[in-house]
Protein backbone atom coordinates (compact mmCIF):
# COMPACT_ATOMS: atom_id res chain seq x y z
CA MET A 1 -18.95 -19.70 -12.13
CA ALA A 2 -18.61 -16.19 -13.50
CA SER A 3 -20.63 -14.83 -10.55
CA ASN A 4 -18.26 -16.63 -8.15
CA ASN A 5 -15.14 -15.02 -9.98
CA LEU A 6 -16.78 -11.63 -9.70
CA LEU A 7 -17.40 -12.02 -5.97
CA VAL A 8 -13.89 -13.13 -5.47
CA HIS A 9 -12.60 -9.97 -7.33
CA LEU A 10 -14.90 -7.81 -5.35
CA LYS A 11 -13.76 -9.26 -2.08
CA HIS A 12 -10.19 -8.68 -3.06
CA CYS A 13 -11.02 -5.10 -3.97
CA PHE A 14 -12.20 -4.46 -0.38
CA SER A 15 -9.49 -6.32 1.43
CA PRO A 16 -7.36 -4.33 3.90
CA PRO A 17 -4.17 -4.42 1.57
CA SER A 18 -6.40 -3.12 -1.26
CA LEU A 19 -7.90 -0.32 0.75
CA ARG A 20 -4.38 0.75 1.89
CA SER A 21 -3.46 0.89 -1.78
CA TYR A 22 -6.32 3.11 -2.52
CA LEU A 23 -5.40 5.45 0.26
CA ALA A 24 -1.71 5.47 -0.76
CA GLU A 25 -2.80 6.53 -4.36
CA PHE A 26 -5.01 9.21 -3.07
CA ILE A 27 -2.30 10.70 -0.84
CA SER A 28 0.48 10.41 -3.53
CA THR A 29 -1.77 11.89 -6.27
CA PHE A 30 -2.74 14.70 -3.86
CA LEU A 31 0.88 15.45 -3.32
CA PHE A 32 1.85 15.43 -6.94
CA VAL A 33 -1.13 17.50 -8.15
CA PHE A 34 -0.80 20.00 -5.22
CA THR A 35 2.88 20.64 -6.19
CA ALA A 36 2.19 20.63 -10.05
CA VAL A 37 -0.82 23.10 -9.87
CA GLY A 38 0.50 24.99 -6.83
CA SER A 39 3.86 25.71 -8.60
CA ALA A 40 1.86 27.05 -11.53
CA ILE A 41 -0.08 29.32 -9.32
CA SER A 42 3.04 30.64 -7.63
CA ALA A 43 4.83 31.15 -10.86
CA ARG A 44 1.94 33.15 -12.12
CA MET A 45 1.81 35.32 -9.07
CA LEU A 46 5.50 36.02 -9.13
CA THR A 47 5.55 36.88 -12.87
CA THR A 48 5.34 40.63 -13.38
CA PRO A 49 3.12 42.05 -16.15
CA ASP A 50 6.03 43.71 -17.97
CA VAL A 51 7.98 40.46 -18.24
CA THR A 52 7.03 38.60 -21.41
CA ASN A 53 8.30 35.31 -22.96
CA SER A 54 10.13 34.36 -19.77
CA ALA A 55 11.13 30.84 -19.39
CA SER A 56 11.18 31.16 -15.56
CA PRO A 57 7.64 30.02 -14.90
CA LEU A 58 8.14 26.89 -17.03
CA VAL A 59 11.37 25.93 -15.37
CA ALA A 60 9.86 26.50 -11.94
CA THR A 61 6.81 24.22 -12.66
CA ALA A 62 9.13 21.61 -14.30
CA VAL A 63 11.33 21.46 -11.25
CA ALA A 64 8.40 21.34 -8.86
CA GLN A 65 6.63 18.52 -10.88
CA ALA A 66 9.90 16.58 -11.08
CA PHE A 67 10.44 16.66 -7.26
CA GLY A 68 6.72 16.28 -6.59
CA LEU A 69 6.42 13.09 -8.73
CA PHE A 70 9.71 11.68 -7.31
CA ALA A 71 8.37 12.11 -3.70
CA ALA A 72 4.82 10.88 -4.74
CA VAL A 73 5.98 7.65 -6.30
CA LEU A 74 8.53 6.96 -3.58
CA ILE A 75 6.04 7.25 -0.66
CA ALA A 76 3.48 4.90 -2.35
CA ALA A 77 5.80 2.48 -4.05
CA ASP A 78 5.76 -0.23 -1.39
CA VAL A 79 2.01 0.10 -0.75
CA SER A 80 0.28 0.63 -4.04
CA GLY A 81 3.05 0.55 -6.60
CA GLY A 82 3.13 4.35 -6.75
CA HIS A 83 1.02 4.76 -9.96
CA VAL A 84 -0.06 8.39 -9.20
CA ASN A 85 -1.55 8.53 -12.66
CA PRO A 86 -4.60 6.84 -14.35
CA ALA A 87 -2.47 6.28 -17.48
CA VAL A 88 0.05 4.24 -15.55
CA THR A 89 -2.68 2.23 -13.89
CA PHE A 90 -4.19 1.66 -17.38
CA ALA A 91 -0.83 0.51 -18.73
CA TYR A 92 -0.44 -1.94 -15.88
CA ALA A 93 -3.88 -3.18 -16.36
CA ILE A 94 -3.19 -3.88 -20.08
CA GLY A 95 -0.06 -5.76 -18.96
CA GLY A 96 -2.01 -7.90 -16.56
CA HIS A 97 -0.19 -6.52 -13.45
CA ILE A 98 -3.51 -5.31 -11.92
CA GLY A 99 -7.05 -6.39 -12.32
CA VAL A 100 -9.64 -4.26 -13.93
CA PRO A 101 -11.81 -3.96 -10.72
CA SER A 102 -8.80 -2.76 -8.83
CA ALA A 103 -7.72 -0.47 -11.49
CA ILE A 104 -11.16 1.20 -11.38
CA PHE A 105 -10.76 1.95 -7.63
CA TYR A 106 -7.25 3.18 -8.37
CA TRP A 107 -8.62 5.62 -11.01
CA ALA A 108 -11.25 6.76 -8.43
CA SER A 109 -8.71 7.39 -5.74
CA GLN A 110 -6.42 9.26 -8.14
CA LEU A 111 -9.17 11.39 -9.55
CA LEU A 112 -10.39 12.13 -5.93
CA GLY A 113 -6.96 13.00 -4.73
CA ALA A 114 -6.23 15.36 -7.68
CA THR A 115 -9.61 17.10 -7.27
CA MET A 116 -9.08 17.63 -3.54
CA ALA A 117 -5.58 18.95 -4.16
CA CYS A 118 -6.94 21.66 -6.53
CA LEU A 119 -9.85 22.34 -4.29
CA SER A 120 -7.51 22.91 -1.41
CA LEU A 121 -5.34 25.22 -3.46
CA ASN A 122 -8.43 27.27 -4.54
CA LEU A 123 -9.70 27.58 -0.94
CA PHE A 124 -6.28 28.38 0.67
CA SER A 125 -4.62 30.52 -1.82
CA ALA A 126 -6.71 33.67 -1.34
CA GLY A 127 -9.11 32.92 -4.19
CA GLU A 128 -6.31 32.39 -6.82
CA GLU A 129 -7.68 30.84 -10.06
CA VAL A 130 -6.74 27.28 -10.51
CA PRO A 131 -4.87 27.01 -13.90
CA THR A 132 -5.89 24.26 -16.25
CA THR A 133 -3.77 22.50 -18.75
CA ARG A 134 -4.32 23.87 -22.28
CA ILE A 135 -2.86 23.41 -25.78
CA ALA A 136 -1.07 26.30 -27.56
CA VAL A 137 -3.13 28.53 -29.76
CA ALA A 138 -1.36 27.35 -32.82
CA MET A 139 -2.03 23.65 -32.09
CA THR A 140 -5.07 21.61 -32.98
CA GLY A 141 -6.82 19.26 -30.50
CA PHE A 142 -5.48 16.26 -32.48
CA GLY A 143 -1.96 17.63 -32.34
CA GLY A 144 -2.25 18.23 -28.69
CA ALA A 145 -3.52 14.63 -28.04
CA VAL A 146 -0.63 13.33 -30.16
CA MET A 147 1.84 15.35 -28.17
CA GLU A 148 0.37 14.10 -24.94
CA GLY A 149 0.45 10.64 -26.14
CA LEU A 150 4.08 10.87 -26.99
CA LEU A 151 5.07 12.40 -23.69
CA THR A 152 3.03 9.87 -21.78
CA PHE A 153 4.66 7.05 -23.76
CA LEU A 154 8.02 8.20 -22.66
CA LEU A 155 6.97 8.58 -19.04
CA VAL A 156 5.18 5.22 -18.75
CA TYR A 157 7.87 3.33 -20.62
CA THR A 158 10.40 4.78 -17.97
CA VAL A 159 7.96 3.57 -15.24
CA HIS A 160 7.98 -0.03 -16.68
CA VAL A 161 11.82 0.04 -16.99
CA VAL A 162 12.59 1.19 -13.52
CA GLY A 163 9.93 -1.10 -12.07
CA GLU A 164 11.51 -4.09 -13.65
CA PRO A 165 12.14 -6.55 -10.70
CA ARG A 166 15.35 -7.79 -12.33
CA LEU A 167 16.88 -4.42 -11.80
CA SER A 168 16.26 -4.37 -8.08
CA GLY A 169 19.31 -6.43 -7.26
CA GLY A 170 17.11 -9.22 -5.86
CA GLY A 171 18.45 -11.84 -8.25
CA GLY A 172 15.20 -11.87 -10.27
CA GLY A 173 13.20 -13.48 -7.36
CA GLY A 174 10.53 -10.90 -7.53
CA GLY A 175 10.92 -10.02 -3.93
CA LYS A 176 10.39 -6.65 -2.24
CA ARG A 177 12.73 -4.06 -3.79
CA GLY A 178 15.24 -2.19 -1.54
CA PHE A 179 14.84 1.34 -0.61
CA ALA A 180 17.81 2.43 -2.77
CA ALA A 181 16.49 0.73 -5.91
CA THR A 182 12.91 2.28 -5.25
CA ALA A 183 14.32 5.74 -4.67
CA LEU A 184 16.52 5.64 -7.80
CA GLY A 185 13.47 4.39 -9.83
CA ALA A 186 11.28 7.21 -8.52
CA LEU A 187 14.05 9.76 -9.29
CA ALA A 188 14.22 8.55 -12.85
CA VAL A 189 10.36 8.83 -13.22
CA GLY A 190 10.49 12.35 -11.67
CA LEU A 191 13.38 13.49 -13.94
CA THR A 192 11.44 12.13 -16.96
CA GLU A 193 8.39 14.20 -15.99
CA GLY A 194 10.41 17.32 -15.45
CA ALA A 195 12.25 17.01 -18.82
CA CYS A 196 8.99 16.39 -20.59
CA VAL A 197 7.37 19.47 -19.05
CA LEU A 198 10.40 21.55 -20.15
CA ALA A 199 10.12 20.12 -23.67
CA ALA A 200 6.44 20.49 -24.25
CA GLY A 201 4.81 22.47 -21.44
CA SER A 202 4.31 25.49 -23.62
CA LEU A 203 2.75 23.36 -26.38
CA SER A 204 0.22 20.97 -24.78
CA GLY A 205 0.74 21.80 -21.10
CA ALA A 206 2.61 18.49 -20.71
CA SER A 207 0.06 16.98 -18.35
CA MET A 208 0.71 13.35 -19.07
CA ASN A 209 -1.68 12.63 -16.35
CA PRO A 210 -5.53 12.53 -16.74
CA ALA A 211 -6.06 13.08 -13.05
CA ARG A 212 -3.95 16.24 -12.94
CA SER A 213 -5.96 17.81 -15.79
CA PHE A 214 -9.37 16.53 -14.50
CA GLY A 215 -8.93 17.94 -10.95
CA ALA A 216 -8.07 21.40 -12.23
CA ALA A 217 -10.97 21.25 -14.64
CA VAL A 218 -13.56 20.33 -12.01
CA VAL A 219 -12.34 23.02 -9.60
CA SER A 220 -12.16 25.72 -12.34
CA GLY A 221 -15.18 24.59 -14.15
CA ARG A 222 -13.32 24.78 -17.60
CA PHE A 223 -13.45 21.47 -19.37
CA LYS A 224 -12.25 22.73 -22.87
CA ASN A 225 -10.06 20.12 -24.70
CA GLN A 226 -10.44 17.73 -21.64
CA ALA A 227 -10.63 14.87 -24.14
CA VAL A 228 -7.02 15.67 -25.23
CA TYR A 229 -5.77 14.88 -21.78
CA TRP A 230 -7.61 11.63 -21.65
CA ALA A 231 -7.29 10.09 -25.13
CA GLY A 232 -3.55 11.05 -25.63
CA PRO A 233 -2.15 9.87 -22.34
CA MET A 234 -4.23 6.62 -22.35
CA ILE A 235 -3.20 5.72 -25.83
CA GLY A 236 0.41 6.57 -25.19
CA ALA A 237 0.40 4.51 -21.97
CA ALA A 238 -1.06 1.49 -23.86
CA VAL A 239 1.51 1.66 -26.53
CA ALA A 240 4.26 1.91 -23.90
CA ALA A 241 2.98 -1.18 -22.18
CA LEU A 242 2.79 -3.15 -25.30
CA VAL A 243 6.36 -2.07 -26.48
CA TYR A 244 7.67 -2.96 -23.11
CA GLN A 245 6.20 -6.31 -23.22
CA ILE A 246 7.72 -6.94 -26.64
CA MET A 247 11.11 -5.42 -25.79
CA ALA A 248 11.76 -6.66 -22.24
CA CYS A 249 9.59 -9.78 -21.74
CA PRO A 250 9.86 -11.91 -24.89
CA SER A 251 9.54 -15.74 -24.62
CA VAL A 252 11.95 -16.87 -27.24
CA ALA A 253 11.37 -20.24 -28.87
CA GLU A 254 14.04 -21.15 -31.40
CA SER A 255 12.90 -23.29 -34.29
CA ARG A 256 15.81 -23.65 -36.81
CA HIS A 257 14.46 -23.56 -40.41
CA GLY A 258 17.65 -22.55 -42.32
CA ASN A 259 18.59 -19.28 -40.81
CA VAL A 260 15.18 -18.34 -39.48
CA GLU A 261 14.63 -17.83 -35.85
CA ALA A 262 10.92 -17.74 -34.48
CA VAL A 263 10.39 -15.37 -31.64
CA VAL A 264 7.08 -15.71 -29.82
CA VAL A 265 6.07 -12.87 -27.63
């Protein structure tokens, strides 16, 4: 029985719709990481040595990541759901919206897309060094992980809220979302990304995306504090998924015992 279920899951993982989803995640993650890391390279190249403590590079990368994530989510939303982030996929797996075998292939596609984006930047940018996400000197690894977890919680909770079918205008039927609803949701996710980068980019790098940090680390060969950018976002995403389940999807069963109301989640 268990072997039959495994075969069914594996067959589903290699079905044409699933393969299209993996390709969509690869392309969308490539787009986001290319803009995120590429903007950091460009900002570094345009910053003169005599300019110190300028906020311009941070603003530039925040804007680039906001628009990049907006576009990446929008182009993949109707094919794969537009995760673009292993932490988002992890949250959806916890919520039961995607099976574990499919999630593993999503992660592989996202990590490969991020690595290829960083490799392309390294090859085609006249040998410019690929910047990695890093924590501030004054912060500890634990503090960096907590910050990344908090930022990812905000991002993933936003992803859940804007992905709620009841907000698509379809009357709760769970049908395909309209383009306007999809675009508005993608914009909200992108703006949240940009705001988080502005808020904490100088503290922890504001990665919020293990693939984004992993790709840069692989190409640059620098894996210092890599655990911060996996543990923090994954825990933050898991908490966001659980909180959203409690906040937005409760099953209420009222049993009157005096003034007590029982709520079953």
